[in-house]
Amino acid sequence: MTPTAPDPRRPGAMGRLRNYLLTGVLVLAPSAITIWILFRLLNWVDNLLGQYFRFAALDYNRIPGLGLVATLLLLLVVGWIASWIATRPLLRMWDTLLTRIPGVGIVYGSTKSLGEAFLDKKSTPFKQVVLLPWPHPGMWRIGFVTGRAPADVRAALGEDVEVVFVPHSPNPASGFVHYAPRRSLVYLDWPVEDGLRVIVSGGVAQPGDSSDEAADAAAQGAEGGRAS
């Protein structure tokens, strides 16, 4: 019996380690960059205010928490200004400039698109909530169908395929994109908001919990009435 030749398309140990490393960087990079920027901004504001706001009642020391409060107010003001000029040409020009910077454009564009997907209440790219078998059969994760796979992907796989976004919990702003066969998906009759609520709550909040509790309470009340 001749031994089976290894599949040349399957990556070796070093290839898998490289893929894991790249995946880890892509998952952590947006959060790490955001935390680093906020940390530097907080230090800058705290040091700036600490030079001028010193009082004898505090023995001329810095006011505790002043930098944090000022940073939050600064973010609120920037958010308000950005929402006010959202339709202005200046912001559109800045948006175009960022998307054209190599490397930065990929992170900014994907983050912006995903943020719009979660914040836009009128039109969401998520079509339906599904259960996806992952990481192995018998285990299920919540995903959101974003549409059908391109024709070349369907032709290569030889079946109908959906594009499914599988977010992380409790932070749904990052996750994985799966090309999943329709036959492997379980389609749920849930609103997209309920699916997001389950993910953000870590599974604590489940659709229909309140109605189920009310039904149980009614059933217990009925049984108590018959017993009396």
Protein backbone atom coordinates (compact mmCIF):
# COMPACT_ATOMS: atom_id res chain seq x y z
CA MET A 1 0.00 0.00 0.00
CA THR A 2 1.54 3.29 -1.09
CA PRO A 3 1.56 6.12 1.45
CA THR A 4 -0.69 9.08 0.75
CA ALA A 5 1.19 12.06 -0.60
CA PRO A 6 0.85 15.22 1.48
CA ASP A 7 -1.48 17.86 0.10
CA PRO A 8 0.74 20.65 -1.30
CA ARG A 9 -2.07 23.16 -0.75
CA ARG A 10 -2.17 22.51 2.99
CA PRO A 11 0.22 24.81 4.90
CA GLY A 12 2.88 23.29 7.10
CA ALA A 13 3.50 24.00 10.76
CA MET A 14 5.29 27.28 10.06
CA GLY A 15 2.57 28.33 7.64
CA ARG A 16 -0.13 27.70 10.23
CA LEU A 17 1.82 29.63 12.87
CA ARG A 18 2.22 32.51 10.44
CA ASN A 19 -1.53 32.49 9.73
CA TYR A 20 -2.36 32.41 13.45
CA LEU A 21 0.04 35.31 14.08
CA LEU A 22 -1.44 37.38 11.25
CA THR A 23 -4.98 36.66 12.43
CA GLY A 24 -4.08 37.69 15.98
CA VAL A 25 -2.55 40.95 14.74
CA LEU A 26 -5.59 41.78 12.60
CA VAL A 27 -7.97 41.07 15.51
CA LEU A 28 -6.05 43.04 18.15
CA ALA A 29 -4.66 45.90 16.05
CA PRO A 30 -7.81 48.12 15.92
CA SER A 31 -8.46 47.79 19.67
CA ALA A 32 -4.78 48.25 20.57
CA ILE A 33 -4.47 51.36 18.39
CA THR A 34 -7.64 52.86 19.88
CA ILE A 35 -6.50 52.20 23.46
CA TRP A 36 -3.04 53.64 22.73
CA ILE A 37 -4.50 56.82 21.22
CA LEU A 38 -6.89 57.32 24.15
CA PHE A 39 -4.07 56.72 26.65
CA ARG A 40 -1.79 59.27 24.97
CA LEU A 41 -4.64 61.78 24.69
CA LEU A 42 -5.52 61.35 28.37
CA ASN A 43 -1.89 61.88 29.43
CA TRP A 44 -1.54 64.94 27.23
CA VAL A 45 -4.72 66.57 28.54
CA ASP A 46 -3.89 65.70 32.15
CA ASN A 47 -0.36 67.15 31.89
CA LEU A 48 -1.63 70.29 30.15
CA LEU A 49 -4.32 71.02 32.74
CA GLY A 50 -2.02 70.06 35.60
CA GLN A 51 0.28 72.95 34.72
CA TYR A 52 -2.42 75.59 35.20
CA PHE A 53 -5.12 74.20 37.51
CA ARG A 54 -3.44 73.97 40.93
CA PHE A 55 -5.06 75.30 44.09
CA ALA A 56 -3.88 75.94 47.61
CA ALA A 57 -6.69 73.82 49.04
CA LEU A 58 -5.10 70.80 47.35
CA ASP A 59 -1.56 71.82 48.35
CA TYR A 60 -0.99 72.88 44.72
CA ASN A 61 -1.28 69.30 43.51
CA ARG A 62 -3.19 68.19 40.45
CA ILE A 63 -6.95 67.80 40.73
CA PRO A 64 -7.67 64.03 40.70
CA GLY A 65 -9.74 62.96 37.70
CA LEU A 66 -9.61 66.36 35.97
CA GLY A 67 -7.75 64.96 32.96
CA LEU A 68 -10.24 62.11 32.54
CA VAL A 69 -13.25 64.43 32.72
CA ALA A 70 -11.66 66.87 30.28
CA THR A 71 -10.80 64.06 27.86
CA LEU A 72 -14.40 62.76 27.92
CA LEU A 73 -15.70 66.29 27.30
CA LEU A 74 -13.24 66.69 24.42
CA LEU A 75 -14.44 63.43 22.83
CA LEU A 76 -18.07 64.54 23.23
CA VAL A 77 -17.35 67.88 21.56
CA VAL A 78 -15.45 66.22 18.70
CA GLY A 79 -18.29 63.72 18.22
CA TRP A 80 -20.87 66.51 18.19
CA ILE A 81 -18.87 68.54 15.66
CA ALA A 82 -18.33 65.50 13.47
CA SER A 83 -22.04 64.67 13.48
CA TRP A 84 -22.88 68.31 12.68
CA ILE A 85 -20.54 68.53 9.66
CA ALA A 86 -21.12 64.94 8.53
CA THR A 87 -22.55 66.09 5.21
CA ARG A 88 -20.01 68.89 4.67
CA PRO A 89 -17.35 68.68 1.92
CA LEU A 90 -14.49 69.07 4.45
CA LEU A 91 -15.29 65.81 6.21
CA ARG A 92 -15.76 64.01 2.91
CA MET A 93 -12.35 65.24 1.78
CA TRP A 94 -10.77 64.01 5.04
CA ASP A 95 -12.52 60.67 4.62
CA THR A 96 -11.18 60.31 1.07
CA LEU A 97 -7.67 61.25 2.20
CA LEU A 98 -7.61 58.59 4.92
CA THR A 99 -8.88 55.85 2.63
CA ARG A 100 -6.03 56.55 0.15
CA ILE A 101 -3.22 56.13 2.69
CA PRO A 102 -1.64 52.66 2.26
CA GLY A 103 -2.29 50.44 5.25
CA VAL A 104 -4.30 53.09 7.10
CA GLY A 105 -7.00 53.05 4.41
CA ILE A 106 -7.64 49.33 4.92
CA VAL A 107 -8.09 49.64 8.69
CA TYR A 108 -10.03 52.91 8.48
CA GLY A 109 -12.30 51.77 5.66
CA SER A 110 -13.17 48.42 7.22
CA THR A 111 -13.72 49.97 10.67
CA LYS A 112 -15.89 52.73 9.20
CA SER A 113 -17.99 50.27 7.20
CA LEU A 114 -18.52 48.00 10.19
CA GLY A 115 -19.38 50.94 12.42
CA GLU A 116 -21.97 52.16 9.92
CA ALA A 117 -23.40 48.65 9.77
CA PHE A 118 -24.03 48.64 13.53
CA LEU A 119 -25.14 52.25 13.89
CA ASP A 120 -27.37 52.68 10.83
CA LYS A 121 -30.89 51.84 11.94
CA LYS A 122 -32.52 52.47 8.55
CA SER A 123 -30.55 50.06 6.39
CA THR A 124 -28.43 47.26 7.81
CA PRO A 125 -26.27 44.95 5.69
CA PHE A 126 -27.15 42.06 7.98
CA LYS A 127 -29.92 40.10 6.31
CA GLN A 128 -30.68 37.38 8.86
CA VAL A 129 -29.45 35.80 12.07
CA VAL A 130 -28.12 32.25 11.65
CA LEU A 131 -26.39 29.54 13.63
CA LEU A 132 -23.10 28.41 12.15
CA PRO A 133 -21.36 25.12 13.11
CA TRP A 134 -18.03 26.32 14.51
CA PRO A 135 -15.34 25.36 15.45
CA HIS A 136 -16.61 21.79 14.87
CA PRO A 137 -19.95 20.02 14.28
CA GLY A 138 -22.17 20.08 17.34
CA MET A 139 -20.96 23.53 18.45
CA TRP A 140 -22.82 26.57 17.16
CA ARG A 141 -22.07 30.29 16.92
CA ILE A 142 -24.33 33.19 16.07
CA GLY A 143 -23.66 34.82 12.73
CA PHE A 144 -25.26 37.37 10.43
CA VAL A 145 -25.86 36.74 6.75
CA THR A 146 -24.53 39.68 4.72
CA GLY A 147 -25.41 38.27 1.30
CA ARG A 148 -24.65 35.55 -1.23
CA ALA A 149 -21.10 34.66 -2.12
CA PRO A 150 -19.75 35.82 -5.50
CA ALA A 151 -20.40 33.60 -8.50
CA ASP A 152 -16.79 32.41 -8.72
CA VAL A 153 -16.85 31.25 -5.07
CA ARG A 154 -20.10 29.37 -5.61
CA ALA A 155 -18.72 27.77 -8.76
CA ALA A 156 -15.49 26.75 -7.03
CA LEU A 157 -17.36 25.13 -4.13
CA GLY A 158 -20.08 23.65 -6.32
CA GLU A 159 -22.99 24.73 -4.12
CA ASP A 160 -24.97 27.72 -2.91
CA VAL A 161 -22.90 29.68 -0.40
CA GLU A 162 -23.76 32.53 1.98
CA VAL A 163 -21.40 35.18 3.33
CA VAL A 164 -21.71 35.11 7.13
CA PHE A 165 -20.14 37.56 9.58
CA VAL A 166 -19.41 35.87 12.92
CA PRO A 167 -18.72 38.55 15.57
CA HIS A 168 -16.74 38.17 18.76
CA SER A 169 -18.42 38.36 22.17
CA PRO A 170 -18.85 40.75 23.93
CA ASN A 171 -17.31 43.08 21.31
CA PRO A 172 -19.17 42.55 18.01
CA ALA A 173 -17.06 45.17 16.23
CA SER A 174 -14.56 42.45 15.29
CA GLY A 175 -15.01 38.90 14.10
CA PHE A 176 -14.58 36.53 11.18
CA VAL A 177 -16.07 36.28 7.69
CA HIS A 178 -17.16 32.78 6.63
CA TYR A 179 -18.21 31.48 3.24
CA ALA A 180 -20.71 28.93 4.52
CA PRO A 181 -22.86 26.51 2.49
CA ARG A 182 -26.55 27.20 2.95
CA ARG A 183 -27.17 23.57 3.93
CA SER A 184 -24.89 23.97 6.99
CA LEU A 185 -26.71 27.02 8.38
CA VAL A 186 -29.65 27.12 10.77
CA TYR A 187 -31.78 30.18 10.00
CA LEU A 188 -33.32 31.84 13.07
CA ASP A 189 -36.45 33.95 13.15
CA TRP A 190 -34.70 36.60 15.25
CA PRO A 191 -34.41 40.32 14.61
CA VAL A 192 -30.81 41.42 14.09
CA GLU A 193 -31.03 43.47 17.31
CA ASP A 194 -31.78 40.31 19.32
CA GLY A 195 -28.76 38.55 17.83
CA LEU A 196 -26.52 41.49 18.73
CA ARG A 197 -27.98 41.59 22.25
CA VAL A 198 -27.09 37.95 22.81
CA ILE A 199 -23.50 38.57 21.68
CA VAL A 200 -22.96 41.76 23.66
CA SER A 201 -24.43 40.24 26.85
CA GLY A 202 -22.27 37.13 26.58
CA GLY A 203 -25.38 34.97 26.22
CA VAL A 204 -27.04 36.28 29.40
CA ALA A 205 -29.84 37.96 27.45
CA GLN A 206 -31.79 35.59 25.22
CA PRO A 207 -34.69 36.42 22.88
CA GLY A 208 -38.02 35.62 24.50
CA ASP A 209 -36.70 35.43 28.06
CA SER A 210 -39.30 37.83 29.41
CA SER A 211 -42.20 36.01 27.72
CA ASP A 212 -40.94 32.62 28.91
CA GLU A 213 -40.69 33.88 32.49
CA ALA A 214 -44.18 35.31 32.29
CA ALA A 215 -45.51 31.99 30.96
CA ASP A 216 -43.79 30.06 33.77
CA ALA A 217 -45.19 32.45 36.36
CA ALA A 218 -48.70 32.08 34.90
CA ALA A 219 -48.39 28.30 34.90
CA GLN A 220 -47.24 28.28 38.53
CA GLY A 221 -50.10 30.58 39.47
CA ALA A 222 -52.61 28.29 37.75
CA GLU A 223 -51.23 25.23 39.53
CA GLY A 224 -51.44 27.04 42.86
CA GLY A 225 -55.05 27.98 42.18
CA ARG A 226 -56.00 24.39 41.38
CA ALA A 227 -54.24 23.16 44.54
CA SER A 228 -56.20 25.59 46.69
